[in-house]
């Protein structure tokens, strides 16, 4: 199965929910925003949505930092 993640094609061996997709990458779900096929997905629905062949994901991760 192929999806597009942040503009790059990626293969998935098996269907995954958005929550599983984030967890496999060890990304902190508290710092992630997910857009699926041009729609922002509320974190409360991540376990309900299974990624499908051809889906387009944009994932933004927020990173703290800067100087004080």
PDB file of N, CA and C in Angstrom:
ATOM      1  N   UNK A   1       0.845  -1.163   0.000  1.00  0.00           N
ATOM      2  CA  UNK A   1       0.000   0.000   0.000  1.00  0.00           C
ATOM      3  C   UNK A   1       0.895   1.232   0.000  1.00  0.00           C
ATOM      4  N   UNK A   2       0.535   2.226  -0.798  1.00  0.00           N
ATOM      5  CA  UNK A   2       1.327   3.448  -0.874  1.00  0.00           C
ATOM      6  C   UNK A   2       0.503   4.650  -0.420  1.00  0.00           C
ATOM      7  N   UNK A   3       1.162   5.508   0.335  1.00  0.00           N
ATOM      8  CA  UNK A   3       0.582   6.792   0.735  1.00  0.00           C
ATOM      9  C   UNK A   3       1.597   7.871   0.383  1.00  0.00           C
ATOM     10  N   UNK A   4       1.188   9.110   0.488  1.00  0.00           N
ATOM     11  CA  UNK A   4       2.105  10.229   0.310  1.00  0.00           C
ATOM     12  C   UNK A   4       2.199  10.934   1.651  1.00  0.00           C
ATOM     13  N   UNK A   5       3.413  10.989   2.197  1.00  0.00           N
ATOM     14  CA  UNK A   5       3.660  11.624   3.490  1.00  0.00           C
ATOM     15  C   UNK A   5       4.516  12.854   3.263  1.00  0.00           C
ATOM     16  N   UNK A   6       3.952  14.012   3.563  1.00  0.00           N
ATOM     17  CA  UNK A   6       4.654  15.289   3.401  1.00  0.00           C
ATOM     18  C   UNK A   6       5.296  15.402   2.018  1.00  0.00           C
ATOM     19  N   UNK A   7       4.525  15.001   0.992  1.00  0.00           N
ATOM     20  CA  UNK A   7       4.967  15.148  -0.382  1.00  0.00           C
ATOM     21  C   UNK A   7       5.822  14.024  -0.930  1.00  0.00           C
ATOM     22  N   UNK A   8       6.141  13.020  -0.115  1.00  0.00           N
ATOM     23  CA  UNK A   8       6.979  11.913  -0.571  1.00  0.00           C
ATOM     24  C   UNK A   8       6.221  10.597  -0.459  1.00  0.00           C
ATOM     25  N   UNK A   9       6.314   9.784  -1.514  1.00  0.00           N
ATOM     26  CA  UNK A   9       5.638   8.496  -1.500  1.00  0.00           C
ATOM     27  C   UNK A   9       6.284   7.564  -0.482  1.00  0.00           C
ATOM     28  N   UNK A  10       5.450   6.840   0.233  1.00  0.00           N
ATOM     29  CA  UNK A  10       5.920   5.896   1.250  1.00  0.00           C
ATOM     30  C   UNK A  10       5.072   4.633   1.172  1.00  0.00           C
ATOM     31  N   UNK A  11       5.704   3.499   1.393  1.00  0.00           N
ATOM     32  CA  UNK A  11       4.992   2.222   1.378  1.00  0.00           C
ATOM     33  C   UNK A  11       4.681   1.777   2.798  1.00  0.00           C
ATOM     34  N   UNK A  12       3.491   1.238   2.974  1.00  0.00           N
ATOM     35  CA  UNK A  12       3.101   0.648   4.251  1.00  0.00           C
ATOM     36  C   UNK A  12       2.870  -0.836   4.015  1.00  0.00           C
ATOM     37  N   UNK A  13       3.403  -1.664   4.893  1.00  0.00           N
ATOM     38  CA  UNK A  13       3.249  -3.101   4.753  1.00  0.00           C
ATOM     39  C   UNK A  13       1.840  -3.562   5.085  1.00  0.00           C
ATOM     40  N   UNK A  14       1.173  -2.815   5.954  1.00  0.00           N
ATOM     41  CA  UNK A  14      -0.174  -3.185   6.369  1.00  0.00           C
ATOM     42  C   UNK A  14      -0.965  -1.927   6.677  1.00  0.00           C
ATOM     43  N   UNK A  15      -2.282  -2.011   6.617  1.00  0.00           N
ATOM     44  CA  UNK A  15      -3.090  -0.845   6.986  1.00  0.00           C
ATOM     45  C   UNK A  15      -2.851  -0.468   8.448  1.00  0.00           C
ATOM     46  N   UNK A  16      -2.828   0.811   8.712  1.00  0.00           N
ATOM     47  CA  UNK A  16      -2.648   1.331  10.076  1.00  0.00           C
ATOM     48  C   UNK A  16      -3.595   2.497  10.298  1.00  0.00           C
ATOM     49  N   UNK A  17      -3.992   2.647  11.546  1.00  0.00           N
ATOM     50  CA  UNK A  17      -4.734   3.857  11.900  1.00  0.00           C
ATOM     51  C   UNK A  17      -3.733   5.010  11.966  1.00  0.00           C
ATOM     52  N   UNK A  18      -4.255   6.214  11.977  1.00  0.00           N
ATOM     53  CA  UNK A  18      -3.364   7.374  12.118  1.00  0.00           C
ATOM     54  C   UNK A  18      -2.598   7.267  13.434  1.00  0.00           C
ATOM     55  N   UNK A  19      -3.277   6.870  14.503  1.00  0.00           N
ATOM     56  CA  UNK A  19      -2.619   6.749  15.810  1.00  0.00           C
ATOM     57  C   UNK A  19      -1.464   5.745  15.751  1.00  0.00           C
ATOM     58  N   UNK A  20      -1.685   4.597  15.105  1.00  0.00           N
ATOM     59  CA  UNK A  20      -0.626   3.591  14.968  1.00  0.00           C
ATOM     60  C   UNK A  20       0.527   4.133  14.120  1.00  0.00           C
ATOM     61  N   UNK A  21       0.199   4.851  13.062  1.00  0.00           N
ATOM     62  CA  UNK A  21       1.209   5.420  12.181  1.00  0.00           C
ATOM     63  C   UNK A  21       2.128   6.371  12.953  1.00  0.00           C
ATOM     64  N   UNK A  22       1.544   7.205  13.789  1.00  0.00           N
ATOM     65  CA  UNK A  22       2.316   8.149  14.616  1.00  0.00           C
ATOM     66  C   UNK A  22       3.151   7.379  15.642  1.00  0.00           C
ATOM     67  N   UNK A  23       2.559   6.388  16.284  1.00  0.00           N
ATOM     68  CA  UNK A  23       3.244   5.624  17.334  1.00  0.00           C
ATOM     69  C   UNK A  23       4.438   4.841  16.794  1.00  0.00           C
ATOM     70  N   UNK A  24       4.294   4.240  15.617  1.00  0.00           N
ATOM     71  CA  UNK A  24       5.384   3.464  15.019  1.00  0.00           C
ATOM     72  C   UNK A  24       6.619   4.347  14.801  1.00  0.00           C
ATOM     73  N   UNK A  25       6.379   5.604  14.504  1.00  0.00           N
ATOM     74  CA  UNK A  25       7.484   6.535  14.281  1.00  0.00           C
ATOM     75  C   UNK A  25       8.013   7.160  15.577  1.00  0.00           C
ATOM     76  N   UNK A  26       7.375   6.799  16.677  1.00  0.00           N
ATOM     77  CA  UNK A  26       7.761   7.306  17.997  1.00  0.00           C
ATOM     78  C   UNK A  26       7.686   8.835  18.081  1.00  0.00           C
ATOM     79  N   UNK A  27       6.678   9.391  17.383  1.00  0.00           N
ATOM     80  CA  UNK A  27       6.438  10.818  17.468  1.00  0.00           C
ATOM     81  C   UNK A  27       5.511  11.076  18.647  1.00  0.00           C
ATOM     82  N   UNK A  28       5.747  12.148  19.342  1.00  0.00           N
ATOM     83  CA  UNK A  28       4.923  12.543  20.482  1.00  0.00           C
ATOM     84  C   UNK A  28       3.593  13.094  19.967  1.00  0.00           C
ATOM     85  N   UNK A  29       2.523  12.374  20.216  1.00  0.00           N
ATOM     86  CA  UNK A  29       1.218  12.781  19.684  1.00  0.00           C
ATOM     87  C   UNK A  29       0.767  14.149  20.204  1.00  0.00           C
ATOM     88  N   UNK A  30       1.323  14.597  21.314  1.00  0.00           N
ATOM     89  CA  UNK A  30       0.962  15.910  21.857  1.00  0.00           C
ATOM     90  C   UNK A  30       1.562  17.052  21.030  1.00  0.00           C
ATOM     91  N   UNK A  31       2.534  16.735  20.182  1.00  0.00           N
ATOM     92  CA  UNK A  31       3.200  17.780  19.403  1.00  0.00           C
ATOM     93  C   UNK A  31       2.987  17.617  17.906  1.00  0.00           C
ATOM     94  N   UNK A  32       1.944  16.881  17.518  1.00  0.00           N
ATOM     95  CA  UNK A  32       1.709  16.571  16.107  1.00  0.00           C
ATOM     96  C   UNK A  32       0.337  17.066  15.661  1.00  0.00           C
ATOM     97  N   UNK A  33       0.292  17.598  14.439  1.00  0.00           N
ATOM     98  CA  UNK A  33      -0.970  17.938  13.782  1.00  0.00           C
ATOM     99  C   UNK A  33      -1.012  17.123  12.497  1.00  0.00           C
ATOM    100  N   UNK A  34      -2.165  16.499  12.222  1.00  0.00           N
ATOM    101  CA  UNK A  34      -2.306  15.629  11.055  1.00  0.00           C
ATOM    102  C   UNK A  34      -3.359  16.189  10.104  1.00  0.00           C
ATOM    103  N   UNK A  35      -2.961  16.279   8.837  1.00  0.00           N
ATOM    104  CA  UNK A  35      -3.891  16.612   7.762  1.00  0.00           C
ATOM    105  C   UNK A  35      -3.963  15.401   6.841  1.00  0.00           C
ATOM    106  N   UNK A  36      -5.148  14.908   6.608  1.00  0.00           N
ATOM    107  CA  UNK A  36      -5.365  13.754   5.742  1.00  0.00           C
ATOM    108  C   UNK A  36      -6.224  14.178   4.568  1.00  0.00           C
ATOM    109  N   UNK A  37      -5.669  14.065   3.372  1.00  0.00           N
ATOM    110  CA  UNK A  37      -6.397  14.435   2.154  1.00  0.00           C
ATOM    111  C   UNK A  37      -7.008  15.827   2.269  1.00  0.00           C
ATOM    112  N   UNK A  38      -6.176  16.772   2.716  1.00  0.00           N
ATOM    113  CA  UNK A  38      -6.518  18.205   2.821  1.00  0.00           C
ATOM    114  C   UNK A  38      -7.490  18.531   3.946  1.00  0.00           C
ATOM    115  N   UNK A  39      -7.684  17.635   4.893  1.00  0.00           N
ATOM    116  CA  UNK A  39      -8.574  17.880   6.036  1.00  0.00           C
ATOM    117  C   UNK A  39      -7.812  17.642   7.338  1.00  0.00           C
ATOM    118  N   UNK A  40      -7.833  18.635   8.228  1.00  0.00           N
ATOM    119  CA  UNK A  40      -7.205  18.485   9.544  1.00  0.00           C
ATOM    120  C   UNK A  40      -8.015  17.448  10.321  1.00  0.00           C
ATOM    121  N   UNK A  41      -7.316  16.473  10.905  1.00  0.00           N
ATOM    122  CA  UNK A  41      -7.986  15.408  11.649  1.00  0.00           C
ATOM    123  C   UNK A  41      -7.791  15.624  13.141  1.00  0.00           C
ATOM    124  N   UNK A  42      -8.885  15.751  13.851  1.00  0.00           N
ATOM    125  CA  UNK A  42      -8.847  15.909  15.299  1.00  0.00           C
ATOM    126  C   UNK A  42      -8.224  14.665  15.924  1.00  0.00           C
ATOM    127  N   UNK A  43      -7.372  14.866  16.897  1.00  0.00           N
ATOM    128  CA  UNK A  43      -6.664  13.758  17.535  1.00  0.00           C
ATOM    129  C   UNK A  43      -7.623  12.710  18.109  1.00  0.00           C
ATOM    130  N   UNK A  44      -8.785  13.109  18.493  1.00  0.00           N
ATOM    131  CA  UNK A  44      -9.775  12.175  19.026  1.00  0.00           C
ATOM    132  C   UNK A  44     -10.266  11.157  18.009  1.00  0.00           C
ATOM    133  N   UNK A  45     -10.006  11.397  16.731  1.00  0.00           N
ATOM    134  CA  UNK A  45     -10.445  10.482  15.674  1.00  0.00           C
ATOM    135  C   UNK A  45      -9.308   9.642  15.097  1.00  0.00           C
ATOM    136  N   UNK A  46      -8.096   9.815  15.600  1.00  0.00           N
ATOM    137  CA  UNK A  46      -6.935   9.097  15.059  1.00  0.00           C
ATOM    138  C   UNK A  46      -7.093   7.585  15.137  1.00  0.00           C
ATOM    139  N   UNK A  47      -7.782   7.082  16.151  1.00  0.00           N
ATOM    140  CA  UNK A  47      -7.940   5.630  16.275  1.00  0.00           C
ATOM    141  C   UNK A  47      -9.043   5.100  15.356  1.00  0.00           C
ATOM    142  N   UNK A  48      -9.882   5.979  14.840  1.00  0.00           N
ATOM    143  CA  UNK A  48     -11.006   5.574  13.992  1.00  0.00           C
ATOM    144  C   UNK A  48     -10.658   5.521  12.508  1.00  0.00           C
ATOM    145  N   UNK A  49      -9.597   6.220  12.115  1.00  0.00           N
ATOM    146  CA  UNK A  49      -9.302   6.372  10.689  1.00  0.00           C
ATOM    147  C   UNK A  49      -8.137   5.475  10.289  1.00  0.00           C
ATOM    148  N   UNK A  50      -8.423   4.557   9.382  1.00  0.00           N
ATOM    149  CA  UNK A  50      -7.400   3.656   8.843  1.00  0.00           C
ATOM    150  C   UNK A  50      -6.898   4.250   7.530  1.00  0.00           C
ATOM    151  N   UNK A  51      -5.594   4.349   7.402  1.00  0.00           N
ATOM    152  CA  UNK A  51      -5.005   4.879   6.175  1.00  0.00           C
ATOM    153  C   UNK A  51      -5.271   3.924   5.019  1.00  0.00           C
ATOM    154  N   UNK A  52      -5.533   4.505   3.841  1.00  0.00           N
ATOM    155  CA  UNK A  52      -5.838   3.717   2.646  1.00  0.00           C
ATOM    156  C   UNK A  52      -4.839   4.033   1.541  1.00  0.00           C
ATOM    157  N   UNK A  53      -4.747   3.114   0.607  1.00  0.00           N
ATOM    158  CA  UNK A  53      -3.871   3.310  -0.539  1.00  0.00           C
ATOM    159  C   UNK A  53      -4.198   4.637  -1.220  1.00  0.00           C
ATOM    160  N   UNK A  54      -3.161   5.443  -1.456  1.00  0.00           N
ATOM    161  CA  UNK A  54      -3.337   6.720  -2.142  1.00  0.00           C
ATOM    162  C   UNK A  54      -3.599   7.902  -1.225  1.00  0.00           C
ATOM    163  N   UNK A  55      -3.780   7.672   0.073  1.00  0.00           N
ATOM    164  CA  UNK A  55      -4.003   8.787   1.001  1.00  0.00           C
ATOM    165  C   UNK A  55      -2.809   9.730   0.996  1.00  0.00           C
ATOM    166  N   UNK A  56      -3.120  11.011   1.220  1.00  0.00           N
ATOM    167  CA  UNK A  56      -2.084  12.042   1.302  1.00  0.00           C
ATOM    168  C   UNK A  56      -2.088  12.595   2.726  1.00  0.00           C
ATOM    169  N   UNK A  57      -0.975  12.394   3.414  1.00  0.00           N
ATOM    170  CA  UNK A  57      -0.814  12.874   4.785  1.00  0.00           C
ATOM    171  C   UNK A  57       0.172  14.027   4.830  1.00  0.00           C
ATOM    172  N   UNK A  58      -0.175  15.042   5.572  1.00  0.00           N
ATOM    173  CA  UNK A  58       0.763  16.104   5.928  1.00  0.00           C
ATOM    174  C   UNK A  58       0.828  16.078   7.441  1.00  0.00           C
ATOM    175  N   UNK A  59       2.007  15.902   7.985  1.00  0.00           N
ATOM    176  CA  UNK A  59       2.163  15.838   9.431  1.00  0.00           C
ATOM    177  C   UNK A  59       3.152  16.910   9.855  1.00  0.00           C
ATOM    178  N   UNK A  60       2.692  17.766  10.749  1.00  0.00           N
ATOM    179  CA  UNK A  60       3.538  18.816  11.311  1.00  0.00           C
ATOM    180  C   UNK A  60       3.860  18.466  12.744  1.00  0.00           C
ATOM    181  N   UNK A  61       5.148  18.542  13.069  1.00  0.00           N
ATOM    182  CA  UNK A  61       5.575  18.309  14.445  1.00  0.00           C
ATOM    183  C   UNK A  61       6.133  19.600  14.987  1.00  0.00           C
ATOM    184  N   UNK A  62       5.666  19.978  16.163  1.00  0.00           N
ATOM    185  CA  UNK A  62       6.128  21.192  16.815  1.00  0.00           C
ATOM    186  C   UNK A  62       7.268  20.865  17.751  1.00  0.00           C
ATOM    187  N   UNK A  63       8.329  21.630  17.653  1.00  0.00           N
ATOM    188  CA  UNK A  63       9.517  21.405  18.459  1.00  0.00           C
ATOM    189  C   UNK A  63       9.797  22.669  19.254  1.00  0.00           C
ATOM    190  N   UNK A  64       9.970  22.514  20.569  1.00  0.00           N
ATOM    191  CA  UNK A  64      10.295  23.668  21.421  1.00  0.00           C
ATOM    192  C   UNK A  64      11.758  24.046  21.263  1.00  0.00           C
ATOM    193  N   UNK A  65      12.042  25.199  21.678  1.00  0.00           N
ATOM    194  CA  UNK A  65      13.445  25.637  21.602  1.00  0.00           C
ATOM    195  C   UNK A  65      13.516  27.144  21.643  1.00  0.00           C
ATOM    196  N   UNK A  66      14.650  27.637  21.259  1.00  0.00           N
ATOM    197  CA  UNK A  66      14.867  29.080  21.261  1.00  0.00           C
ATOM    198  C   UNK A  66      15.756  29.461  22.435  1.00  0.00           C
ATOM    199  N   UNK A  67      15.910  30.731  22.604  1.00  0.00           N
ATOM    200  CA  UNK A  67      16.758  31.204  23.697  1.00  0.00           C
ATOM    201  C   UNK A  67      15.941  32.033  24.668  1.00  0.00           C
ATOM    202  N   UNK A  68      16.387  32.026  25.894  1.00  0.00           N
ATOM    203  CA  UNK A  68      15.667  32.759  26.933  1.00  0.00           C
ATOM    204  C   UNK A  68      16.378  34.045  27.261  1.00  0.00           C
TER     205      UNK A  68
END
